[in-house]
Amino acid sequence: MNWLYLAIAIMSEVFATSALKAAEGFTRFWPSLLVVIGYASAFYFLSLTLRTIPLGIAYAIWSGVGVVLVSIVGWFIYHQSLSTGALVGIALIVSGVVVLNLSSTTVGH
């Protein structure tokens, strides 16, 4: 169940961060409300995850996967380009999350 909570936390954070651009500095009400709801949900579900998954592991996965997904949303929704360096960096983040998951003895699978 904790991995499901982590997945919900990640999706909520990606949703909130994506809405943050649309909120235009909190000058637009509905996107701003979505930002607040999304981040509140993200932190709530992340806190549930931390009951059993170590903080460093959960945060590395949460932030790493979040960076990748937000980059993809930026590319598809906001038509932002990703340079070769950005793509290499994203690949390194994904690699790091995979290595962390596969090699860590502190993560229960």
C-alpha atoms as a PDB file:
ATOM      1  CA  MET A   1       0.000   0.000   0.000  1.00  0.00           C
ATOM      2  CA  ASN A   2       2.900   2.354   0.711  1.00  0.00           C
ATOM      3  CA  TRP A   3       4.083   2.167  -2.891  1.00  0.00           C
ATOM      4  CA  LEU A   4       0.590   3.151  -4.004  1.00  0.00           C
ATOM      5  CA  TYR A   5       0.735   6.128  -1.620  1.00  0.00           C
ATOM      6  CA  LEU A   6       4.089   7.098  -3.107  1.00  0.00           C
ATOM      7  CA  ALA A   7       2.661   6.880  -6.639  1.00  0.00           C
ATOM      8  CA  ILE A   8      -0.280   9.099  -5.623  1.00  0.00           C
ATOM      9  CA  ALA A   9       2.149  11.565  -4.023  1.00  0.00           C
ATOM     10  CA  ILE A  10       4.202  11.705  -7.210  1.00  0.00           C
ATOM     11  CA  MET A  11       1.171  12.188  -9.458  1.00  0.00           C
ATOM     12  CA  SER A  12      -0.215  14.894  -7.143  1.00  0.00           C
ATOM     13  CA  GLU A  13       3.102  16.728  -7.193  1.00  0.00           C
ATOM     14  CA  VAL A  14       3.311  16.527 -10.989  1.00  0.00           C
ATOM     15  CA  PHE A  15      -0.283  17.780 -11.256  1.00  0.00           C
ATOM     16  CA  ALA A  16       0.415  20.686  -8.875  1.00  0.00           C
ATOM     17  CA  THR A  17       3.672  21.663 -10.544  1.00  0.00           C
ATOM     18  CA  SER A  18       2.027  21.605 -13.963  1.00  0.00           C
ATOM     19  CA  ALA A  19      -0.806  23.795 -12.682  1.00  0.00           C
ATOM     20  CA  LEU A  20       1.770  26.168 -11.178  1.00  0.00           C
ATOM     21  CA  LYS A  21       2.743  27.357 -14.643  1.00  0.00           C
ATOM     22  CA  ALA A  22      -0.919  27.925 -15.538  1.00  0.00           C
ATOM     23  CA  ALA A  23      -1.456  29.839 -12.271  1.00  0.00           C
ATOM     24  CA  GLU A  24       0.803  32.606 -13.631  1.00  0.00           C
ATOM     25  CA  GLY A  25       2.261  33.659 -10.304  1.00  0.00           C
ATOM     26  CA  PHE A  26      -0.976  32.888  -8.435  1.00  0.00           C
ATOM     27  CA  THR A  27      -2.856  35.523 -10.437  1.00  0.00           C
ATOM     28  CA  ARG A  28      -5.380  32.987 -11.804  1.00  0.00           C
ATOM     29  CA  PHE A  29      -7.751  31.541  -9.209  1.00  0.00           C
ATOM     30  CA  TRP A  30      -8.597  28.054 -10.522  1.00  0.00           C
ATOM     31  CA  PRO A  31      -5.077  26.990 -11.472  1.00  0.00           C
ATOM     32  CA  SER A  32      -3.852  28.417  -8.144  1.00  0.00           C
ATOM     33  CA  LEU A  33      -6.439  26.356  -6.286  1.00  0.00           C
ATOM     34  CA  LEU A  34      -5.296  23.254  -8.163  1.00  0.00           C
ATOM     35  CA  VAL A  35      -1.709  23.995  -7.103  1.00  0.00           C
ATOM     36  CA  VAL A  36      -2.657  24.181  -3.421  1.00  0.00           C
ATOM     37  CA  ILE A  37      -4.813  21.040  -3.563  1.00  0.00           C
ATOM     38  CA  GLY A  38      -2.170  19.133  -5.532  1.00  0.00           C
ATOM     39  CA  TYR A  39       0.699  19.979  -3.188  1.00  0.00           C
ATOM     40  CA  ALA A  40      -1.409  19.316  -0.077  1.00  0.00           C
ATOM     41  CA  SER A  41      -2.302  15.908  -1.490  1.00  0.00           C
ATOM     42  CA  ALA A  42       1.308  15.219  -2.491  1.00  0.00           C
ATOM     43  CA  PHE A  43       2.689  15.945   0.963  1.00  0.00           C
ATOM     44  CA  TYR A  44      -0.106  14.054   2.701  1.00  0.00           C
ATOM     45  CA  PHE A  45       0.495  10.892   0.669  1.00  0.00           C
ATOM     46  CA  LEU A  46       4.262  11.280   0.951  1.00  0.00           C
ATOM     47  CA  SER A  47       3.859  11.428   4.738  1.00  0.00           C
ATOM     48  CA  LEU A  48       1.886   8.161   4.655  1.00  0.00           C
ATOM     49  CA  THR A  49       4.651   6.582   2.614  1.00  0.00           C
ATOM     50  CA  LEU A  50       7.251   7.561   5.195  1.00  0.00           C
ATOM     51  CA  ARG A  51       5.706   5.245   7.765  1.00  0.00           C
ATOM     52  CA  THR A  52       7.575   2.324   6.214  1.00  0.00           C
ATOM     53  CA  ILE A  53       9.812   3.558   3.394  1.00  0.00           C
ATOM     54  CA  PRO A  54      12.969   5.385   4.583  1.00  0.00           C
ATOM     55  CA  LEU A  55      12.943   9.148   4.031  1.00  0.00           C
ATOM     56  CA  GLY A  56      15.955   9.286   1.698  1.00  0.00           C
ATOM     57  CA  ILE A  57      14.657   6.474  -0.497  1.00  0.00           C
ATOM     58  CA  ALA A  58      11.088   7.821  -0.692  1.00  0.00           C
ATOM     59  CA  TYR A  59      12.256  11.360  -1.395  1.00  0.00           C
ATOM     60  CA  ALA A  60      14.740  10.260  -4.061  1.00  0.00           C
ATOM     61  CA  ILE A  61      12.031   8.321  -5.877  1.00  0.00           C
ATOM     62  CA  TRP A  62       9.418  11.082  -5.382  1.00  0.00           C
ATOM     63  CA  SER A  63      11.648  13.852  -6.648  1.00  0.00           C
ATOM     64  CA  GLY A  64      13.371  11.841  -9.391  1.00  0.00           C
ATOM     65  CA  VAL A  65      10.218  10.482 -10.955  1.00  0.00           C
ATOM     66  CA  GLY A  66       8.572  13.885 -10.465  1.00  0.00           C
ATOM     67  CA  VAL A  67      11.336  15.646 -12.397  1.00  0.00           C
ATOM     68  CA  VAL A  68      10.992  13.227 -15.286  1.00  0.00           C
ATOM     69  CA  LEU A  69       7.194  13.462 -15.425  1.00  0.00           C
ATOM     70  CA  VAL A  70       7.129  17.267 -15.091  1.00  0.00           C
ATOM     71  CA  SER A  71       9.659  17.490 -17.924  1.00  0.00           C
ATOM     72  CA  ILE A  72       7.412  15.328 -20.085  1.00  0.00           C
ATOM     73  CA  VAL A  73       4.352  17.441 -19.206  1.00  0.00           C
ATOM     74  CA  GLY A  74       6.300  20.599 -20.041  1.00  0.00           C
ATOM     75  CA  TRP A  75       7.244  19.100 -23.380  1.00  0.00           C
ATOM     76  CA  PHE A  76       3.750  17.900 -24.335  1.00  0.00           C
ATOM     77  CA  ILE A  77       1.453  20.470 -22.729  1.00  0.00           C
ATOM     78  CA  TYR A  78       3.558  23.639 -22.733  1.00  0.00           C
ATOM     79  CA  HIS A  79       5.638  22.792 -25.846  1.00  0.00           C
ATOM     80  CA  GLN A  80       8.911  23.378 -24.020  1.00  0.00           C
ATOM     81  CA  SER A  81      11.944  21.893 -25.701  1.00  0.00           C
ATOM     82  CA  LEU A  82      14.331  19.474 -24.024  1.00  0.00           C
ATOM     83  CA  SER A  83      17.981  19.838 -25.001  1.00  0.00           C
ATOM     84  CA  THR A  84      20.344  16.919 -25.318  1.00  0.00           C
ATOM     85  CA  GLY A  85      21.803  17.841 -21.943  1.00  0.00           C
ATOM     86  CA  ALA A  86      18.348  17.829 -20.376  1.00  0.00           C
ATOM     87  CA  LEU A  87      17.591  14.404 -21.844  1.00  0.00           C
ATOM     88  CA  VAL A  88      20.915  13.030 -20.590  1.00  0.00           C
ATOM     89  CA  GLY A  89      20.203  14.470 -17.150  1.00  0.00           C
ATOM     90  CA  ILE A  90      16.737  12.919 -17.095  1.00  0.00           C
ATOM     91  CA  ALA A  91      18.233   9.560 -18.129  1.00  0.00           C
ATOM     92  CA  LEU A  92      20.724   9.830 -15.264  1.00  0.00           C
ATOM     93  CA  ILE A  93      17.911  10.567 -12.804  1.00  0.00           C
ATOM     94  CA  VAL A  94      15.956   7.537 -14.004  1.00  0.00           C
ATOM     95  CA  SER A  95      19.106   5.406 -13.777  1.00  0.00           C
ATOM     96  CA  GLY A  96      19.737   6.614 -10.256  1.00  0.00           C
ATOM     97  CA  VAL A  97      16.205   5.788  -9.123  1.00  0.00           C
ATOM     98  CA  VAL A  98      16.475   2.310 -10.666  1.00  0.00           C
ATOM     99  CA  VAL A  99      19.857   1.640  -9.029  1.00  0.00           C
ATOM    100  CA  LEU A 100      18.559   2.925  -5.715  1.00  0.00           C
ATOM    101  CA  ASN A 101      15.562   0.626  -5.894  1.00  0.00           C
ATOM    102  CA  LEU A 102      17.443  -2.442  -7.030  1.00  0.00           C
ATOM    103  CA  SER A 103      20.472  -2.175  -4.768  1.00  0.00           C
ATOM    104  CA  SER A 104      19.158  -0.669  -1.549  1.00  0.00           C
ATOM    105  CA  THR A 105      18.671  -3.083   1.326  1.00  0.00           C
ATOM    106  CA  THR A 106      16.492  -0.535   3.128  1.00  0.00           C
ATOM    107  CA  VAL A 107      13.665  -0.697   0.580  1.00  0.00           C
ATOM    108  CA  GLY A 108      11.124  -3.443   1.089  1.00  0.00           C
ATOM    109  CA  HIS A 109       9.739  -4.714  -2.216  1.00  0.00           C
END
